[in-house]
Amino acid sequence: MAARAMTFPMRRQALTGMWIPAPGVTRRSSYWSGTPEFYFAKEIDNSRLVKVADRKRNREMVMLVAAMSIFFLLVMTYAWQHFSSVEYGYKIEALKTQRDNTNELNRALRLEQASLRDPERIDVLARRMGLSSPQAGQVMRLDPAASDGGAATMAQASQIAVVTLSQ
């Protein structure tokens, strides 16, 4: 087919819109080598055909659909578990990071509490505010042996001192 296409003369388009042979190209004689083919349209009427139900094929199709459905459910369950475990892994790592940050903050707060409870620091601040050391009898220490380690005790009322301000 390609050889036949090469034997046709080259043509160029003239300004008139007609095709004319290119100069110097001679045209070979064309001949038909083959059997002509004719196609006839034939209408087929299948409206009177009845499809016979094949019970064996229907059963095979139902079994195939059931097997594929079960396989699909198993694959989806596996994928769901896998992605859930990945998600839980991320959540666990986030909680571990949060725990570490909270522990670091707790350590910093304990350090600050220890520095704020320093008796020397409290004494310096008290002297700057004009306070003096307590006199004998002003400090009443609670007896640690009297407490039962956090057991409930009955509250006792002591004498109430009334302080009045005179101007």
C-alpha atoms as a PDB file:
ATOM      1  CA  MET A   1       0.000   0.000   0.000  1.00  0.00           C
ATOM      2  CA  ALA A   2       2.846   2.341   0.808  1.00  0.00           C
ATOM      3  CA  ALA A   3       4.546   1.563  -2.506  1.00  0.00           C
ATOM      4  CA  ARG A   4       1.397   2.407  -4.422  1.00  0.00           C
ATOM      5  CA  ALA A   5       1.086   5.718  -2.625  1.00  0.00           C
ATOM      6  CA  MET A   6       4.610   6.615  -3.685  1.00  0.00           C
ATOM      7  CA  THR A   7       3.930   6.030  -7.377  1.00  0.00           C
ATOM      8  CA  PHE A   8       1.252   8.685  -7.687  1.00  0.00           C
ATOM      9  CA  PRO A   9       2.531  11.960  -9.060  1.00  0.00           C
ATOM     10  CA  MET A  10       3.092  14.862  -6.721  1.00  0.00           C
ATOM     11  CA  ARG A  11       0.572  17.662  -7.162  1.00  0.00           C
ATOM     12  CA  ARG A  12       0.563  21.262  -6.144  1.00  0.00           C
ATOM     13  CA  GLN A  13      -2.290  23.650  -5.793  1.00  0.00           C
ATOM     14  CA  ALA A  14      -2.617  26.429  -8.320  1.00  0.00           C
ATOM     15  CA  LEU A  15      -3.875  29.834  -7.427  1.00  0.00           C
ATOM     16  CA  THR A  16      -7.214  28.918  -8.938  1.00  0.00           C
ATOM     17  CA  GLY A  17      -7.888  26.240  -6.332  1.00  0.00           C
ATOM     18  CA  MET A  18      -7.458  23.388  -8.824  1.00  0.00           C
ATOM     19  CA  TRP A  19      -4.871  20.666  -8.483  1.00  0.00           C
ATOM     20  CA  ILE A  20      -2.391  20.445 -11.277  1.00  0.00           C
ATOM     21  CA  PRO A  21       0.548  18.044 -11.661  1.00  0.00           C
ATOM     22  CA  ALA A  22       3.948  19.174 -10.454  1.00  0.00           C
ATOM     23  CA  PRO A  23       6.401  19.906 -13.263  1.00  0.00           C
ATOM     24  CA  GLY A  24       8.700  17.077 -14.255  1.00  0.00           C
ATOM     25  CA  VAL A  25       6.552  14.281 -12.730  1.00  0.00           C
ATOM     26  CA  THR A  26       5.035  11.768 -15.094  1.00  0.00           C
ATOM     27  CA  ARG A  27       1.922   9.885 -14.134  1.00  0.00           C
ATOM     28  CA  ARG A  28       1.956   6.108 -14.272  1.00  0.00           C
ATOM     29  CA  SER A  29      -1.061   4.214 -15.297  1.00  0.00           C
ATOM     30  CA  SER A  30      -3.140   3.018 -12.394  1.00  0.00           C
ATOM     31  CA  TYR A  31      -4.713  -0.365 -12.379  1.00  0.00           C
ATOM     32  CA  TRP A  32      -6.980  -2.217 -10.006  1.00  0.00           C
ATOM     33  CA  SER A  33      -5.507  -5.336  -8.415  1.00  0.00           C
ATOM     34  CA  GLY A  34      -7.936  -6.927  -6.055  1.00  0.00           C
ATOM     35  CA  THR A  35     -11.405  -8.180  -5.580  1.00  0.00           C
ATOM     36  CA  PRO A  36     -14.018  -5.501  -5.124  1.00  0.00           C
ATOM     37  CA  GLU A  37     -15.855  -5.728  -1.817  1.00  0.00           C
ATOM     38  CA  PHE A  38     -19.497  -4.923  -1.400  1.00  0.00           C
ATOM     39  CA  TYR A  39     -21.272  -4.570   1.936  1.00  0.00           C
ATOM     40  CA  PHE A  40     -24.989  -5.105   2.293  1.00  0.00           C
ATOM     41  CA  ALA A  41     -26.975  -3.925   5.278  1.00  0.00           C
ATOM     42  CA  LYS A  42     -28.974  -6.712   6.852  1.00  0.00           C
ATOM     43  CA  GLU A  43     -31.540  -5.975   9.498  1.00  0.00           C
ATOM     44  CA  ILE A  44     -31.781  -8.544  12.286  1.00  0.00           C
ATOM     45  CA  ASP A  45     -34.933  -8.773  14.350  1.00  0.00           C
ATOM     46  CA  ASN A  46     -34.262 -10.337  17.767  1.00  0.00           C
ATOM     47  CA  SER A  47     -37.544  -9.276  19.318  1.00  0.00           C
ATOM     48  CA  ARG A  48     -38.968 -12.811  19.245  1.00  0.00           C
ATOM     49  CA  LEU A  49     -35.962 -14.389  20.986  1.00  0.00           C
ATOM     50  CA  VAL A  50     -36.385 -15.463  24.594  1.00  0.00           C
ATOM     51  CA  LYS A  51     -33.387 -15.779  26.898  1.00  0.00           C
ATOM     52  CA  VAL A  52     -33.381 -19.018  28.831  1.00  0.00           C
ATOM     53  CA  ALA A  53     -32.381 -18.667  32.482  1.00  0.00           C
ATOM     54  CA  ASP A  54     -29.250 -20.667  33.247  1.00  0.00           C
ATOM     55  CA  ARG A  55     -29.498 -21.556  36.922  1.00  0.00           C
ATOM     56  CA  LYS A  56     -25.953 -22.878  37.151  1.00  0.00           C
ATOM     57  CA  ARG A  57     -24.484 -19.645  35.742  1.00  0.00           C
ATOM     58  CA  ASN A  58     -26.710 -17.541  38.020  1.00  0.00           C
ATOM     59  CA  ARG A  59     -25.519 -19.541  41.043  1.00  0.00           C
ATOM     60  CA  GLU A  60     -21.897 -19.085  39.951  1.00  0.00           C
ATOM     61  CA  MET A  61     -22.426 -15.327  39.586  1.00  0.00           C
ATOM     62  CA  VAL A  62     -24.045 -15.084  43.030  1.00  0.00           C
ATOM     63  CA  MET A  63     -21.143 -17.021  44.559  1.00  0.00           C
ATOM     64  CA  LEU A  64     -18.639 -14.797  42.777  1.00  0.00           C
ATOM     65  CA  VAL A  65     -20.360 -11.626  44.002  1.00  0.00           C
ATOM     66  CA  ALA A  66     -20.530 -13.013  47.555  1.00  0.00           C
ATOM     67  CA  ALA A  67     -16.846 -14.014  47.514  1.00  0.00           C
ATOM     68  CA  MET A  68     -15.793 -10.635  46.132  1.00  0.00           C
ATOM     69  CA  SER A  69     -17.939  -8.832  48.726  1.00  0.00           C
ATOM     70  CA  ILE A  70     -16.344 -10.797  51.563  1.00  0.00           C
ATOM     71  CA  PHE A  71     -12.886 -10.158  50.124  1.00  0.00           C
ATOM     72  CA  PHE A  72     -13.686  -6.430  49.817  1.00  0.00           C
ATOM     73  CA  LEU A  73     -14.891  -6.297  53.434  1.00  0.00           C
ATOM     74  CA  LEU A  74     -11.736  -8.049  54.639  1.00  0.00           C
ATOM     75  CA  VAL A  75      -9.497  -5.651  52.713  1.00  0.00           C
ATOM     76  CA  MET A  76     -11.430  -2.624  54.007  1.00  0.00           C
ATOM     77  CA  THR A  77     -11.242  -3.929  57.589  1.00  0.00           C
ATOM     78  CA  TYR A  78      -7.493  -4.415  57.267  1.00  0.00           C
ATOM     79  CA  ALA A  79      -7.062  -0.924  55.775  1.00  0.00           C
ATOM     80  CA  TRP A  80      -9.235   0.615  58.518  1.00  0.00           C
ATOM     81  CA  GLN A  81      -7.193  -1.094  61.253  1.00  0.00           C
ATOM     82  CA  HIS A  82      -3.925  -0.100  59.632  1.00  0.00           C
ATOM     83  CA  PHE A  83      -4.863   3.563  59.251  1.00  0.00           C
ATOM     84  CA  SER A  84      -6.334   3.616  62.773  1.00  0.00           C
ATOM     85  CA  SER A  85      -3.087   2.278  64.205  1.00  0.00           C
ATOM     86  CA  VAL A  86      -1.116   4.922  62.291  1.00  0.00           C
ATOM     87  CA  GLU A  87      -3.473   7.631  63.585  1.00  0.00           C
ATOM     88  CA  TYR A  88      -3.198   6.323  67.160  1.00  0.00           C
ATOM     89  CA  GLY A  89       0.595   6.312  66.782  1.00  0.00           C
ATOM     90  CA  TYR A  90       0.514  10.000  65.891  1.00  0.00           C
ATOM     91  CA  LYS A  91      -1.806  10.718  68.833  1.00  0.00           C
ATOM     92  CA  ILE A  92       0.496   8.807  71.222  1.00  0.00           C
ATOM     93  CA  GLU A  93       3.531  10.742  69.990  1.00  0.00           C
ATOM     94  CA  ALA A  94       1.656  14.039  70.418  1.00  0.00           C
ATOM     95  CA  LEU A  95       0.657  13.057  73.970  1.00  0.00           C
ATOM     96  CA  LYS A  96       4.240  12.017  74.793  1.00  0.00           C
ATOM     97  CA  THR A  97       5.471  15.386  73.570  1.00  0.00           C
ATOM     98  CA  GLN A  98       2.792  17.135  75.626  1.00  0.00           C
ATOM     99  CA  ARG A  99       3.768  15.038  78.698  1.00  0.00           C
ATOM    100  CA  ASP A 100       7.441  15.943  78.258  1.00  0.00           C
ATOM    101  CA  ASN A 101       6.566  19.641  77.933  1.00  0.00           C
ATOM    102  CA  THR A 102       4.363  19.436  81.021  1.00  0.00           C
ATOM    103  CA  ASN A 103       7.144  17.692  82.996  1.00  0.00           C
ATOM    104  CA  GLU A 104       9.598  20.387  81.939  1.00  0.00           C
ATOM    105  CA  LEU A 105       7.132  23.109  82.981  1.00  0.00           C
ATOM    106  CA  ASN A 106       6.540  21.306  86.302  1.00  0.00           C
ATOM    107  CA  ARG A 107      10.305  21.146  86.924  1.00  0.00           C
ATOM    108  CA  ALA A 108      10.640  24.866  86.158  1.00  0.00           C
ATOM    109  CA  LEU A 109       7.733  25.715  88.483  1.00  0.00           C
ATOM    110  CA  ARG A 110       9.188  23.612  91.317  1.00  0.00           C
ATOM    111  CA  LEU A 111      12.503  25.387  90.866  1.00  0.00           C
ATOM    112  CA  GLU A 112      10.758  28.760  90.977  1.00  0.00           C
ATOM    113  CA  GLN A 113       8.770  27.698  94.053  1.00  0.00           C
ATOM    114  CA  ALA A 114      11.975  26.644  95.810  1.00  0.00           C
ATOM    115  CA  SER A 115      13.619  29.968  95.010  1.00  0.00           C
ATOM    116  CA  LEU A 116      10.551  31.913  96.216  1.00  0.00           C
ATOM    117  CA  ARG A 117      10.397  29.926  99.505  1.00  0.00           C
ATOM    118  CA  ASP A 118      14.040  30.610 100.299  1.00  0.00           C
ATOM    119  CA  PRO A 119      14.109  31.967 103.909  1.00  0.00           C
ATOM    120  CA  GLU A 120      17.001  34.317 103.168  1.00  0.00           C
ATOM    121  CA  ARG A 121      15.119  35.892 100.273  1.00  0.00           C
ATOM    122  CA  ILE A 122      11.991  36.294 102.439  1.00  0.00           C
ATOM    123  CA  ASP A 123      14.084  37.891 105.225  1.00  0.00           C
ATOM    124  CA  VAL A 124      15.640  40.399 102.767  1.00  0.00           C
ATOM    125  CA  LEU A 125      12.210  41.335 101.356  1.00  0.00           C
ATOM    126  CA  ALA A 126      10.749  41.690 104.869  1.00  0.00           C
ATOM    127  CA  ARG A 127      13.558  44.040 105.954  1.00  0.00           C
ATOM    128  CA  ARG A 128      13.059  46.162 102.797  1.00  0.00           C
ATOM    129  CA  MET A 129       9.381  46.532 103.714  1.00  0.00           C
ATOM    130  CA  GLY A 130      10.324  47.656 107.212  1.00  0.00           C
ATOM    131  CA  LEU A 131       9.447  44.497 109.109  1.00  0.00           C
ATOM    132  CA  SER A 132      11.565  43.254 111.970  1.00  0.00           C
ATOM    133  CA  SER A 133      12.270  39.872 113.494  1.00  0.00           C
ATOM    134  CA  PRO A 134       9.487  38.533 115.763  1.00  0.00           C
ATOM    135  CA  GLN A 135       9.765  39.000 119.486  1.00  0.00           C
ATOM    136  CA  ALA A 136       9.699  36.121 121.944  1.00  0.00           C
ATOM    137  CA  GLY A 137       6.148  34.824 122.329  1.00  0.00           C
ATOM    138  CA  GLN A 138       4.924  36.189 118.979  1.00  0.00           C
ATOM    139  CA  VAL A 139       5.657  32.970 117.119  1.00  0.00           C
ATOM    140  CA  MET A 140       3.580  29.950 117.983  1.00  0.00           C
ATOM    141  CA  ARG A 141       4.841  26.683 116.559  1.00  0.00           C
ATOM    142  CA  LEU A 142       2.397  23.904 115.917  1.00  0.00           C
ATOM    143  CA  ASP A 143       3.351  20.588 117.449  1.00  0.00           C
ATOM    144  CA  PRO A 144       3.942  18.128 114.589  1.00  0.00           C
ATOM    145  CA  ALA A 145       3.429  15.156 116.984  1.00  0.00           C
ATOM    146  CA  ALA A 146      -0.124  16.331 117.753  1.00  0.00           C
ATOM    147  CA  SER A 147      -1.242  15.862 114.187  1.00  0.00           C
ATOM    148  CA  ASP A 148      -2.242  12.330 113.250  1.00  0.00           C
ATOM    149  CA  GLY A 149      -0.906  12.441 109.739  1.00  0.00           C
ATOM    150  CA  GLY A 150      -3.850  14.188 108.175  1.00  0.00           C
ATOM    151  CA  ALA A 151      -6.598  12.757 110.374  1.00  0.00           C
ATOM    152  CA  ALA A 152      -9.663  14.917 110.896  1.00  0.00           C
ATOM    153  CA  THR A 153      -9.570  17.191 113.961  1.00  0.00           C
ATOM    154  CA  MET A 154     -12.303  19.175 115.642  1.00  0.00           C
ATOM    155  CA  ALA A 155     -12.096  22.890 115.107  1.00  0.00           C
ATOM    156  CA  GLN A 156     -11.786  24.980 118.275  1.00  0.00           C
ATOM    157  CA  ALA A 157     -12.737  28.569 118.673  1.00  0.00           C
ATOM    158  CA  SER A 158     -10.194  30.777 120.359  1.00  0.00           C
ATOM    159  CA  GLN A 159     -10.617  34.231 121.745  1.00  0.00           C
ATOM    160  CA  ILE A 160     -11.347  36.780 119.119  1.00  0.00           C
ATOM    161  CA  ALA A 161      -9.296  39.941 119.233  1.00  0.00           C
ATOM    162  CA  VAL A 162     -11.014  43.092 118.007  1.00  0.00           C
ATOM    163  CA  VAL A 163      -8.779  45.755 116.563  1.00  0.00           C
ATOM    164  CA  THR A 164     -10.101  49.274 116.128  1.00  0.00           C
ATOM    165  CA  LEU A 165      -8.474  51.972 114.154  1.00  0.00           C
ATOM    166  CA  SER A 166      -8.511  55.407 115.607  1.00  0.00           C
ATOM    167  CA  GLN A 167      -7.999  58.390 113.428  1.00  0.00           C
END
